[in-house]
């Protein structure tokens, strides 16, 4: 009888310690929702004559459900402008993503508005500042690092500004950067 009571006591003790053993990994026990805010260096290939323009970008991603989230981007492409013509865009929209290990691959469709900026009017006769509705499609890849850091390995967007001037504007933009995961 004593041996049976000891065995039951050991079994009860082992079962009571099981909840503190952390048998399930934390990332699988938590929800999919998280916010990521970051910035990066951006190069753009405009279709108005000059080769490349450069600047900075800021972005925020919020994952709502498994594989579905939203993204907001601001691209300021006025820091490197060989012909003194720049572009700023502000956009937001849905994004779909797939996780594979520490890599996240995503696609996005965003809408917003863009500012075409003439920095030196005397060097660009006949060109003017303008604001236009715009939309873009794109995608990229992120790499999760420890301590809530993410590297944006690449992000690509093909933009359409359908109401700009007569023919519209169709720049392509690429960004690399880093973000913090909350």
N, C-alpha and C. Protein backbone atom coordinates (compact mmCIF):
# COMPACT_ATOMS: atom_id res chain seq x y z
N UNK A 1 0.81 -1.19 0.00
CA UNK A 1 0.00 0.00 0.00
C UNK A 1 0.86 1.26 0.00
N UNK A 2 1.94 1.23 0.77
CA UNK A 2 2.84 2.37 0.84
C UNK A 2 3.51 2.61 -0.51
N UNK A 3 3.91 1.50 -1.22
CA UNK A 3 4.53 1.64 -2.53
C UNK A 3 3.55 2.27 -3.52
N UNK A 4 2.28 1.93 -3.44
CA UNK A 4 1.27 2.48 -4.34
C UNK A 4 1.08 3.97 -4.08
N UNK A 5 1.06 4.38 -2.80
CA UNK A 5 0.92 5.79 -2.46
C UNK A 5 2.14 6.59 -2.93
N UNK A 6 3.33 6.02 -2.81
CA UNK A 6 4.55 6.71 -3.27
C UNK A 6 4.51 6.88 -4.79
N UNK A 7 4.10 5.83 -5.49
CA UNK A 7 4.02 5.91 -6.95
C UNK A 7 2.99 6.96 -7.39
N UNK A 8 1.83 6.99 -6.72
CA UNK A 8 0.82 8.00 -7.04
C UNK A 8 1.33 9.41 -6.72
N UNK A 9 2.08 9.58 -5.67
CA UNK A 9 2.65 10.88 -5.32
C UNK A 9 3.67 11.34 -6.34
N UNK A 10 4.54 10.42 -6.79
CA UNK A 10 5.54 10.75 -7.80
C UNK A 10 4.84 11.13 -9.12
N UNK A 11 3.82 10.35 -9.50
CA UNK A 11 3.08 10.63 -10.72
C UNK A 11 2.38 11.99 -10.63
N UNK A 12 1.75 12.29 -9.50
CA UNK A 12 1.09 13.58 -9.31
C UNK A 12 2.09 14.73 -9.36
N UNK A 13 3.27 14.54 -8.77
CA UNK A 13 4.31 15.57 -8.81
C UNK A 13 4.82 15.80 -10.22
N UNK A 14 5.02 14.70 -10.97
CA UNK A 14 5.49 14.84 -12.35
C UNK A 14 4.46 15.56 -13.22
N UNK A 15 3.20 15.25 -13.03
CA UNK A 15 2.15 15.90 -13.81
C UNK A 15 2.00 17.37 -13.44
N UNK A 16 2.22 17.71 -12.20
CA UNK A 16 2.09 19.11 -11.80
C UNK A 16 3.25 19.95 -12.33
N UNK A 17 4.40 19.33 -12.55
CA UNK A 17 5.55 20.06 -13.09
C UNK A 17 5.50 20.18 -14.62
N UNK A 18 4.64 19.42 -15.27
CA UNK A 18 4.59 19.44 -16.74
C UNK A 18 4.20 20.82 -17.28
N UNK A 19 3.38 21.58 -16.56
CA UNK A 19 2.96 22.89 -17.06
C UNK A 19 4.11 23.90 -17.04
N UNK A 20 5.10 23.68 -16.18
CA UNK A 20 6.24 24.60 -16.14
C UNK A 20 7.39 24.14 -17.02
N UNK A 21 7.24 23.05 -17.72
CA UNK A 21 8.32 22.51 -18.55
C UNK A 21 8.44 23.21 -19.89
N UNK A 22 7.50 24.08 -20.26
CA UNK A 22 7.53 24.80 -21.53
C UNK A 22 7.67 23.84 -22.70
N UNK A 23 6.77 22.90 -22.75
CA UNK A 23 6.81 21.87 -23.78
C UNK A 23 6.46 22.39 -25.16
N UNK A 24 5.74 23.52 -25.25
CA UNK A 24 5.40 24.07 -26.56
C UNK A 24 6.23 25.32 -26.81
N UNK A 25 6.75 25.45 -28.01
CA UNK A 25 7.56 26.61 -28.35
C UNK A 25 6.69 27.86 -28.33
N UNK A 26 7.24 28.98 -27.87
CA UNK A 26 6.48 30.21 -27.73
C UNK A 26 5.94 30.75 -29.05
N UNK A 27 6.72 30.78 -30.15
CA UNK A 27 6.16 31.34 -31.38
C UNK A 27 4.92 30.61 -31.88
N UNK A 28 4.81 29.31 -31.64
CA UNK A 28 3.61 28.61 -32.09
C UNK A 28 2.47 28.77 -31.11
N UNK A 29 2.76 29.20 -29.90
CA UNK A 29 1.70 29.38 -28.92
C UNK A 29 1.10 30.77 -28.97
N UNK A 30 1.77 31.70 -29.65
CA UNK A 30 1.26 33.06 -29.73
C UNK A 30 0.51 33.26 -31.04
N UNK A 31 -0.22 34.36 -31.13
CA UNK A 31 -1.01 34.65 -32.32
C UNK A 31 -0.15 35.11 -33.48
N UNK A 32 -0.78 35.23 -34.65
CA UNK A 32 -0.06 35.64 -35.85
C UNK A 32 0.07 37.15 -35.95
N UNK A 33 -0.69 37.89 -35.18
CA UNK A 33 -0.67 39.33 -35.30
C UNK A 33 0.63 39.90 -34.76
N UNK A 34 1.26 40.71 -35.59
CA UNK A 34 2.39 41.49 -35.11
C UNK A 34 2.61 42.69 -36.02
N UNK A 35 3.22 43.70 -35.46
CA UNK A 35 3.51 44.95 -36.16
C UNK A 35 5.00 45.01 -36.41
N UNK A 36 5.36 45.50 -37.58
CA UNK A 36 6.76 45.64 -37.97
C UNK A 36 6.93 47.03 -38.58
N UNK A 37 7.87 47.81 -38.07
CA UNK A 37 8.11 49.17 -38.57
C UNK A 37 9.58 49.28 -38.93
N UNK A 38 9.84 49.82 -40.15
CA UNK A 38 11.22 49.90 -40.58
C UNK A 38 11.48 50.98 -41.60
N UNK A 39 12.72 51.03 -42.06
CA UNK A 39 13.16 52.02 -43.04
C UNK A 39 14.24 51.38 -43.91
N UNK A 40 14.50 52.02 -45.04
CA UNK A 40 15.50 51.48 -45.93
C UNK A 40 15.96 52.46 -46.97
N UNK A 41 16.94 52.02 -47.75
CA UNK A 41 17.46 52.78 -48.88
C UNK A 41 16.70 52.33 -50.13
N UNK A 42 16.36 53.29 -50.98
CA UNK A 42 15.51 53.00 -52.14
C UNK A 42 16.12 53.58 -53.41
N UNK A 43 16.06 52.79 -54.48
CA UNK A 43 16.42 53.24 -55.82
C UNK A 43 15.18 53.13 -56.70
N UNK A 44 15.01 54.12 -57.56
CA UNK A 44 13.87 54.11 -58.47
C UNK A 44 14.32 54.28 -59.90
N UNK A 45 13.64 53.61 -60.81
CA UNK A 45 13.88 53.75 -62.25
C UNK A 45 12.66 54.44 -62.83
N UNK A 46 12.69 55.79 -62.91
CA UNK A 46 11.55 56.50 -63.45
C UNK A 46 11.51 56.35 -64.98
N UNK A 47 10.38 56.65 -65.56
CA UNK A 47 10.29 56.56 -67.02
C UNK A 47 10.21 57.94 -67.66
N UNK A 48 10.81 58.95 -67.02
CA UNK A 48 10.78 60.29 -67.60
C UNK A 48 12.15 60.76 -68.04
N UNK A 49 13.06 59.83 -68.35
CA UNK A 49 14.30 60.24 -68.99
C UNK A 49 15.57 60.05 -68.20
N UNK A 50 15.55 60.17 -66.91
CA UNK A 50 16.81 60.01 -66.21
C UNK A 50 17.01 58.56 -65.78
N UNK A 51 18.27 58.21 -65.51
CA UNK A 51 18.59 56.82 -65.23
C UNK A 51 18.01 56.32 -63.92
N UNK A 52 18.54 56.78 -62.81
CA UNK A 52 18.14 56.30 -61.49
C UNK A 52 17.98 57.48 -60.56
N UNK A 53 17.01 57.38 -59.67
CA UNK A 53 16.87 58.34 -58.58
C UNK A 53 16.91 57.55 -57.28
N UNK A 54 17.36 58.19 -56.23
CA UNK A 54 17.51 57.48 -54.96
C UNK A 54 16.97 58.27 -53.79
N UNK A 55 16.75 57.53 -52.71
CA UNK A 55 16.25 58.17 -51.50
C UNK A 55 16.06 57.16 -50.39
N UNK A 56 15.06 57.42 -49.56
CA UNK A 56 14.78 56.57 -48.41
C UNK A 56 13.31 56.17 -48.42
N UNK A 57 13.01 55.13 -47.68
CA UNK A 57 11.63 54.66 -47.54
C UNK A 57 11.37 54.32 -46.08
N UNK A 58 10.12 54.45 -45.70
CA UNK A 58 9.65 53.98 -44.40
C UNK A 58 8.46 53.06 -44.67
N UNK A 59 8.35 52.00 -43.87
CA UNK A 59 7.26 51.05 -44.10
C UNK A 59 6.77 50.49 -42.77
N UNK A 60 5.52 50.05 -42.79
CA UNK A 60 4.93 49.39 -41.63
C UNK A 60 4.07 48.24 -42.15
N UNK A 61 4.25 47.08 -41.54
CA UNK A 61 3.47 45.89 -41.88
C UNK A 61 2.73 45.43 -40.63
N UNK A 62 1.48 45.03 -40.82
CA UNK A 62 0.70 44.48 -39.72
C UNK A 62 0.03 43.21 -40.21
N UNK A 63 0.39 42.08 -39.62
CA UNK A 63 -0.21 40.81 -40.00
C UNK A 63 -1.50 40.61 -39.23
N UNK A 64 -2.61 40.50 -39.97
CA UNK A 64 -3.93 40.35 -39.36
C UNK A 64 -4.26 38.90 -39.07
N UNK A 65 -4.12 38.05 -40.07
CA UNK A 65 -4.43 36.63 -39.96
C UNK A 65 -3.28 35.85 -40.57
N UNK A 66 -3.38 34.56 -40.51
CA UNK A 66 -2.37 33.72 -41.13
C UNK A 66 -2.34 33.99 -42.63
N UNK A 67 -1.23 34.48 -43.13
CA UNK A 67 -0.96 34.77 -44.54
C UNK A 67 -1.57 36.05 -45.07
N UNK A 68 -2.29 36.84 -44.27
CA UNK A 68 -2.91 38.07 -44.76
C UNK A 68 -2.59 39.22 -43.80
N UNK A 69 -2.18 40.36 -44.39
CA UNK A 69 -1.88 41.53 -43.58
C UNK A 69 -2.07 42.79 -44.40
N UNK A 70 -1.61 43.91 -43.85
CA UNK A 70 -1.65 45.20 -44.54
C UNK A 70 -0.26 45.83 -44.48
N UNK A 71 0.01 46.69 -45.45
CA UNK A 71 1.30 47.38 -45.50
C UNK A 71 1.06 48.84 -45.85
N UNK A 72 1.88 49.72 -45.28
CA UNK A 72 1.89 51.14 -45.63
C UNK A 72 3.33 51.51 -45.95
N UNK A 73 3.52 52.25 -47.04
CA UNK A 73 4.86 52.65 -47.49
C UNK A 73 4.90 54.14 -47.76
N UNK A 74 6.06 54.75 -47.50
CA UNK A 74 6.35 56.11 -47.93
C UNK A 74 7.73 56.07 -48.57
N UNK A 75 7.81 56.44 -49.85
CA UNK A 75 9.08 56.47 -50.58
C UNK A 75 9.42 57.93 -50.88
N UNK A 76 10.57 58.38 -50.42
CA UNK A 76 11.04 59.75 -50.65
C UNK A 76 12.25 59.65 -51.57
N UNK A 77 12.03 59.81 -52.87
CA UNK A 77 13.09 59.65 -53.86
C UNK A 77 13.53 61.02 -54.38
N UNK A 78 14.08 61.83 -53.48
CA UNK A 78 14.54 63.16 -53.84
C UNK A 78 15.97 63.43 -53.37
N UNK A 79 16.67 62.42 -52.88
CA UNK A 79 18.02 62.64 -52.37
C UNK A 79 19.09 62.55 -53.47
N UNK A 80 18.90 61.64 -54.39
CA UNK A 80 19.83 61.51 -55.53
C UNK A 80 19.00 61.64 -56.81
N UNK A 81 19.06 62.82 -57.42
CA UNK A 81 18.27 63.09 -58.62
C UNK A 81 19.17 63.78 -59.63
N UNK A 82 19.78 63.05 -60.55
CA UNK A 82 20.73 63.65 -61.50
C UNK A 82 20.15 64.80 -62.32
N UNK A 83 18.87 64.76 -62.64
CA UNK A 83 18.26 65.83 -63.43
C UNK A 83 17.35 66.72 -62.58
N UNK A 84 17.50 66.64 -61.28
CA UNK A 84 16.71 67.45 -60.34
C UNK A 84 15.21 67.21 -60.46
N UNK A 85 14.82 65.94 -60.76
CA UNK A 85 13.43 65.54 -60.80
C UNK A 85 13.26 64.37 -59.84
N UNK A 86 12.36 64.50 -58.88
CA UNK A 86 12.16 63.46 -57.87
C UNK A 86 10.72 63.02 -57.77
N UNK A 87 10.52 61.96 -56.97
CA UNK A 87 9.18 61.41 -56.74
C UNK A 87 9.04 61.04 -55.27
N UNK A 88 7.90 61.36 -54.72
CA UNK A 88 7.53 60.88 -53.39
C UNK A 88 6.21 60.15 -53.52
N UNK A 89 6.09 58.98 -52.88
CA UNK A 89 4.82 58.24 -52.93
C UNK A 89 4.42 57.83 -51.52
N UNK A 90 3.12 57.81 -51.29
CA UNK A 90 2.54 57.43 -50.02
C UNK A 90 1.40 56.47 -50.34
N UNK A 91 1.49 55.23 -49.86
CA UNK A 91 0.53 54.20 -50.29
C UNK A 91 0.29 53.18 -49.19
N UNK A 92 -0.83 52.48 -49.30
CA UNK A 92 -1.19 51.44 -48.34
C UNK A 92 -2.12 50.44 -49.03
N UNK A 93 -2.15 49.22 -48.48
CA UNK A 93 -3.04 48.21 -49.02
C UNK A 93 -2.75 46.83 -48.46
N UNK A 94 -3.43 45.82 -49.02
CA UNK A 94 -3.28 44.45 -48.50
C UNK A 94 -1.98 43.80 -48.95
N UNK A 95 -1.57 42.81 -48.17
CA UNK A 95 -0.39 42.03 -48.51
C UNK A 95 -0.65 40.59 -48.09
N UNK A 96 -0.14 39.67 -48.88
CA UNK A 96 -0.18 38.25 -48.53
C UNK A 96 1.25 37.80 -48.30
N UNK A 97 1.44 36.89 -47.34
CA UNK A 97 2.80 36.47 -47.02
C UNK A 97 2.84 34.98 -46.71
N UNK A 98 4.02 34.41 -46.91
CA UNK A 98 4.28 33.00 -46.63
C UNK A 98 5.57 32.92 -45.84
N UNK A 99 5.53 32.20 -44.73
CA UNK A 99 6.73 32.04 -43.90
C UNK A 99 7.36 30.68 -44.16
N UNK A 100 8.66 30.66 -44.28
CA UNK A 100 9.44 29.42 -44.43
C UNK A 100 10.67 29.58 -43.55
N UNK A 101 10.60 28.96 -42.37
CA UNK A 101 11.70 29.14 -41.40
C UNK A 101 11.74 30.59 -40.95
N UNK A 102 12.90 31.20 -41.07
CA UNK A 102 13.01 32.61 -40.68
C UNK A 102 12.80 33.57 -41.85
N UNK A 103 12.45 33.04 -43.02
CA UNK A 103 12.20 33.86 -44.20
C UNK A 103 10.70 34.11 -44.37
N UNK A 104 10.36 35.32 -44.79
CA UNK A 104 8.99 35.68 -45.12
C UNK A 104 8.98 36.22 -46.54
N UNK A 105 8.20 35.59 -47.40
CA UNK A 105 8.04 36.03 -48.78
C UNK A 105 6.65 36.64 -48.89
N UNK A 106 6.52 37.77 -49.61
CA UNK A 106 5.23 38.45 -49.64
C UNK A 106 4.97 39.09 -51.00
N UNK A 107 3.70 39.32 -51.24
CA UNK A 107 3.23 40.09 -52.38
C UNK A 107 2.27 41.14 -51.87
N UNK A 108 2.15 42.26 -52.60
CA UNK A 108 1.32 43.36 -52.10
C UNK A 108 0.68 44.10 -53.28
N UNK A 109 -0.43 44.74 -53.01
CA UNK A 109 -1.13 45.61 -53.96
C UNK A 109 -1.54 46.86 -53.19
N UNK A 110 -0.97 48.01 -53.54
CA UNK A 110 -1.14 49.23 -52.76
C UNK A 110 -1.74 50.34 -53.61
N UNK A 111 -2.45 51.26 -52.97
CA UNK A 111 -2.94 52.45 -53.64
C UNK A 111 -2.55 53.66 -52.80
N UNK A 112 -2.48 54.82 -53.45
CA UNK A 112 -2.13 56.03 -52.73
C UNK A 112 -1.98 57.19 -53.68
N UNK A 113 -1.06 58.08 -53.36
CA UNK A 113 -0.80 59.20 -54.25
C UNK A 113 0.69 59.45 -54.33
N UNK A 114 1.09 60.08 -55.44
CA UNK A 114 2.49 60.38 -55.66
C UNK A 114 2.69 61.85 -55.97
N UNK A 115 3.82 62.37 -55.54
CA UNK A 115 4.21 63.76 -55.85
C UNK A 115 5.39 63.72 -56.81
N UNK A 116 5.23 64.36 -57.95
CA UNK A 116 6.33 64.55 -58.88
C UNK A 116 6.94 65.90 -58.53
N UNK A 117 8.25 65.93 -58.26
CA UNK A 117 8.89 67.13 -57.72
C UNK A 117 9.98 67.61 -58.66
N UNK A 118 9.88 68.87 -59.08
CA UNK A 118 10.92 69.53 -59.87
C UNK A 118 11.74 70.33 -58.87
N UNK A 119 12.98 69.90 -58.63
CA UNK A 119 13.80 70.55 -57.61
C UNK A 119 14.44 71.85 -58.13
N UNK A 120 14.82 71.89 -59.39
CA UNK A 120 15.42 73.08 -60.01
C UNK A 120 14.62 73.42 -61.26
N UNK A 121 13.74 74.40 -61.16
CA UNK A 121 12.86 74.75 -62.27
C UNK A 121 13.65 75.30 -63.45
N UNK A 122 14.71 76.08 -63.18
CA UNK A 122 15.48 76.67 -64.28
C UNK A 122 16.21 75.60 -65.10
N UNK A 123 16.49 74.43 -64.51
CA UNK A 123 17.14 73.34 -65.24
C UNK A 123 16.14 72.45 -65.98
N UNK A 124 14.86 72.62 -65.72
CA UNK A 124 13.81 71.76 -66.29
C UNK A 124 12.67 72.61 -66.84
N UNK A 125 12.92 73.36 -67.91
CA UNK A 125 11.84 74.19 -68.45
C UNK A 125 10.69 73.33 -68.98
N UNK A 126 9.48 73.76 -68.71
CA UNK A 126 8.30 73.04 -69.17
C UNK A 126 7.85 71.93 -68.24
N UNK A 127 8.61 71.64 -67.18
CA UNK A 127 8.21 70.60 -66.22
C UNK A 127 7.67 71.30 -64.98
N UNK A 128 6.75 70.63 -64.30
CA UNK A 128 6.08 71.26 -63.16
C UNK A 128 5.82 70.24 -62.08
N UNK A 129 5.68 70.71 -60.85
CA UNK A 129 5.30 69.84 -59.73
C UNK A 129 3.87 69.37 -59.95
N UNK A 130 3.60 68.13 -59.57
CA UNK A 130 2.25 67.58 -59.75
C UNK A 130 2.01 66.50 -58.72
N UNK A 131 0.74 66.29 -58.40
CA UNK A 131 0.31 65.21 -57.51
C UNK A 131 -0.67 64.34 -58.28
N UNK A 132 -0.54 63.03 -58.12
CA UNK A 132 -1.37 62.12 -58.89
C UNK A 132 -1.76 60.90 -58.06
N UNK A 133 -2.94 60.37 -58.34
CA UNK A 133 -3.34 59.07 -57.80
C UNK A 133 -2.39 58.03 -58.38
N UNK A 134 -2.06 57.02 -57.60
CA UNK A 134 -1.18 55.96 -58.09
C UNK A 134 -1.52 54.65 -57.42
N UNK A 135 -1.11 53.56 -58.06
CA UNK A 135 -1.25 52.24 -57.46
C UNK A 135 -0.01 51.44 -57.83
N UNK A 136 0.24 50.37 -57.07
CA UNK A 136 1.43 49.56 -57.32
C UNK A 136 1.17 48.11 -56.95
N UNK A 137 1.94 47.24 -57.58
CA UNK A 137 1.99 45.83 -57.20
C UNK A 137 3.45 45.50 -56.98
N UNK A 138 3.70 44.57 -56.09
CA UNK A 138 5.09 44.24 -55.80
C UNK A 138 5.20 43.07 -54.86
N UNK A 139 6.41 42.88 -54.38
CA UNK A 139 6.68 41.80 -53.47
C UNK A 139 8.11 41.87 -52.96
N UNK A 140 8.46 40.89 -52.12
CA UNK A 140 9.79 40.90 -51.58
C UNK A 140 10.03 39.76 -50.62
N UNK A 141 11.13 39.87 -49.88
CA UNK A 141 11.51 38.86 -48.90
C UNK A 141 12.12 39.54 -47.68
N UNK A 142 11.74 39.06 -46.50
CA UNK A 142 12.28 39.52 -45.22
C UNK A 142 12.97 38.35 -44.54
N UNK A 143 13.99 38.66 -43.74
CA UNK A 143 14.70 37.65 -42.96
C UNK A 143 14.61 38.04 -41.49
N UNK A 144 13.98 37.19 -40.67
CA UNK A 144 13.86 37.45 -39.24
C UNK A 144 15.16 37.12 -38.53
N UNK A 145 15.60 38.04 -37.68
CA UNK A 145 16.79 37.87 -36.85
C UNK A 145 16.36 37.84 -35.39
N UNK A 146 17.25 37.43 -34.49
CA UNK A 146 16.90 37.48 -33.07
C UNK A 146 16.67 38.93 -32.60
N UNK A 147 16.13 39.04 -31.43
CA UNK A 147 15.91 40.32 -30.75
C UNK A 147 14.96 41.23 -31.53
N UNK A 148 13.93 40.67 -32.16
CA UNK A 148 12.86 41.42 -32.83
C UNK A 148 13.32 42.19 -34.06
N UNK A 149 14.45 41.86 -34.65
CA UNK A 149 14.93 42.56 -35.83
C UNK A 149 14.61 41.77 -37.10
N UNK A 150 14.33 42.49 -38.16
CA UNK A 150 14.05 41.91 -39.46
C UNK A 150 14.87 42.65 -40.51
N UNK A 151 15.48 41.91 -41.42
CA UNK A 151 16.17 42.50 -42.55
C UNK A 151 15.24 42.42 -43.75
N UNK A 152 14.99 43.53 -44.40
CA UNK A 152 14.24 43.53 -45.65
C UNK A 152 15.26 43.30 -46.75
N UNK A 153 15.39 42.02 -47.16
CA UNK A 153 16.40 41.64 -48.15
C UNK A 153 16.15 42.32 -49.49
N UNK A 154 14.91 42.36 -49.92
CA UNK A 154 14.54 43.13 -51.11
C UNK A 154 13.04 43.36 -51.11
N UNK A 155 12.66 44.48 -51.68
CA UNK A 155 11.27 44.83 -51.87
C UNK A 155 11.21 45.52 -53.23
N UNK A 156 10.32 45.06 -54.09
CA UNK A 156 10.20 45.61 -55.43
C UNK A 156 8.76 46.06 -55.66
N UNK A 157 8.58 47.21 -56.30
CA UNK A 157 7.26 47.72 -56.65
C UNK A 157 7.26 48.22 -58.08
N UNK A 158 6.24 47.87 -58.81
CA UNK A 158 5.99 48.47 -60.11
C UNK A 158 4.80 49.39 -59.92
N UNK A 159 4.99 50.68 -60.15
CA UNK A 159 3.95 51.68 -59.89
C UNK A 159 3.33 52.17 -61.20
N UNK A 160 2.08 52.55 -61.11
CA UNK A 160 1.36 53.20 -62.21
C UNK A 160 0.75 54.49 -61.67
N UNK A 161 1.03 55.60 -62.36
CA UNK A 161 0.41 56.88 -62.07
C UNK A 161 -0.47 57.22 -63.28
N UNK A 162 -1.67 56.71 -63.38
CA UNK A 162 -2.46 56.83 -64.61
C UNK A 162 -2.89 58.26 -64.94
N UNK A 163 -3.03 59.12 -63.97
CA UNK A 163 -3.53 60.48 -64.21
C UNK A 163 -2.41 61.50 -64.37
N UNK A 164 -1.17 61.06 -64.42
CA UNK A 164 -0.05 61.99 -64.50
C UNK A 164 0.16 62.41 -65.95
N UNK A 165 0.11 63.71 -66.19
CA UNK A 165 0.32 64.31 -67.52
C UNK A 165 -0.57 63.61 -68.55
N UNK A 166 -0.07 63.35 -69.72
CA UNK A 166 -0.88 62.74 -70.77
C UNK A 166 -0.77 61.22 -70.79
N UNK A 167 0.43 60.72 -70.63
CA UNK A 167 0.67 59.28 -70.80
C UNK A 167 0.76 58.52 -69.49
N UNK A 168 0.72 59.19 -68.37
CA UNK A 168 0.91 58.52 -67.09
C UNK A 168 2.40 58.36 -66.79
N UNK A 169 2.68 57.75 -65.69
CA UNK A 169 4.05 57.53 -65.24
C UNK A 169 4.13 56.11 -64.70
N UNK A 170 5.19 55.38 -65.01
CA UNK A 170 5.32 53.97 -64.60
C UNK A 170 6.70 53.68 -64.03
N UNK A 171 7.02 54.18 -62.84
CA UNK A 171 8.33 53.90 -62.26
C UNK A 171 8.40 52.51 -61.62
N UNK A 172 9.61 52.01 -61.48
CA UNK A 172 9.89 50.78 -60.75
C UNK A 172 10.80 51.16 -59.58
N UNK A 173 10.52 50.58 -58.41
CA UNK A 173 11.22 50.98 -57.18
C UNK A 173 11.70 49.74 -56.44
N UNK A 174 12.93 49.78 -55.94
CA UNK A 174 13.49 48.71 -55.12
C UNK A 174 14.01 49.24 -53.81
N UNK A 175 13.80 48.48 -52.73
CA UNK A 175 14.21 48.91 -51.39
C UNK A 175 14.89 47.77 -50.65
N UNK A 176 15.93 48.09 -49.89
CA UNK A 176 16.53 47.19 -48.90
C UNK A 176 16.54 47.94 -47.58
N UNK A 177 16.36 47.23 -46.46
CA UNK A 177 16.31 47.93 -45.19
C UNK A 177 16.23 47.01 -44.01
N UNK A 178 15.79 47.56 -42.89
CA UNK A 178 15.66 46.81 -41.65
C UNK A 178 14.42 47.29 -40.91
N UNK A 179 13.90 46.42 -40.04
CA UNK A 179 12.70 46.76 -39.29
C UNK A 179 12.77 46.18 -37.89
N UNK A 180 11.90 46.68 -37.03
CA UNK A 180 11.75 46.17 -35.68
C UNK A 180 10.38 45.53 -35.57
N UNK A 181 10.32 44.30 -35.03
CA UNK A 181 9.06 43.57 -34.84
C UNK A 181 8.57 43.78 -33.42
N UNK A 182 7.34 44.22 -33.27
CA UNK A 182 6.73 44.39 -31.94
C UNK A 182 5.94 43.17 -31.58
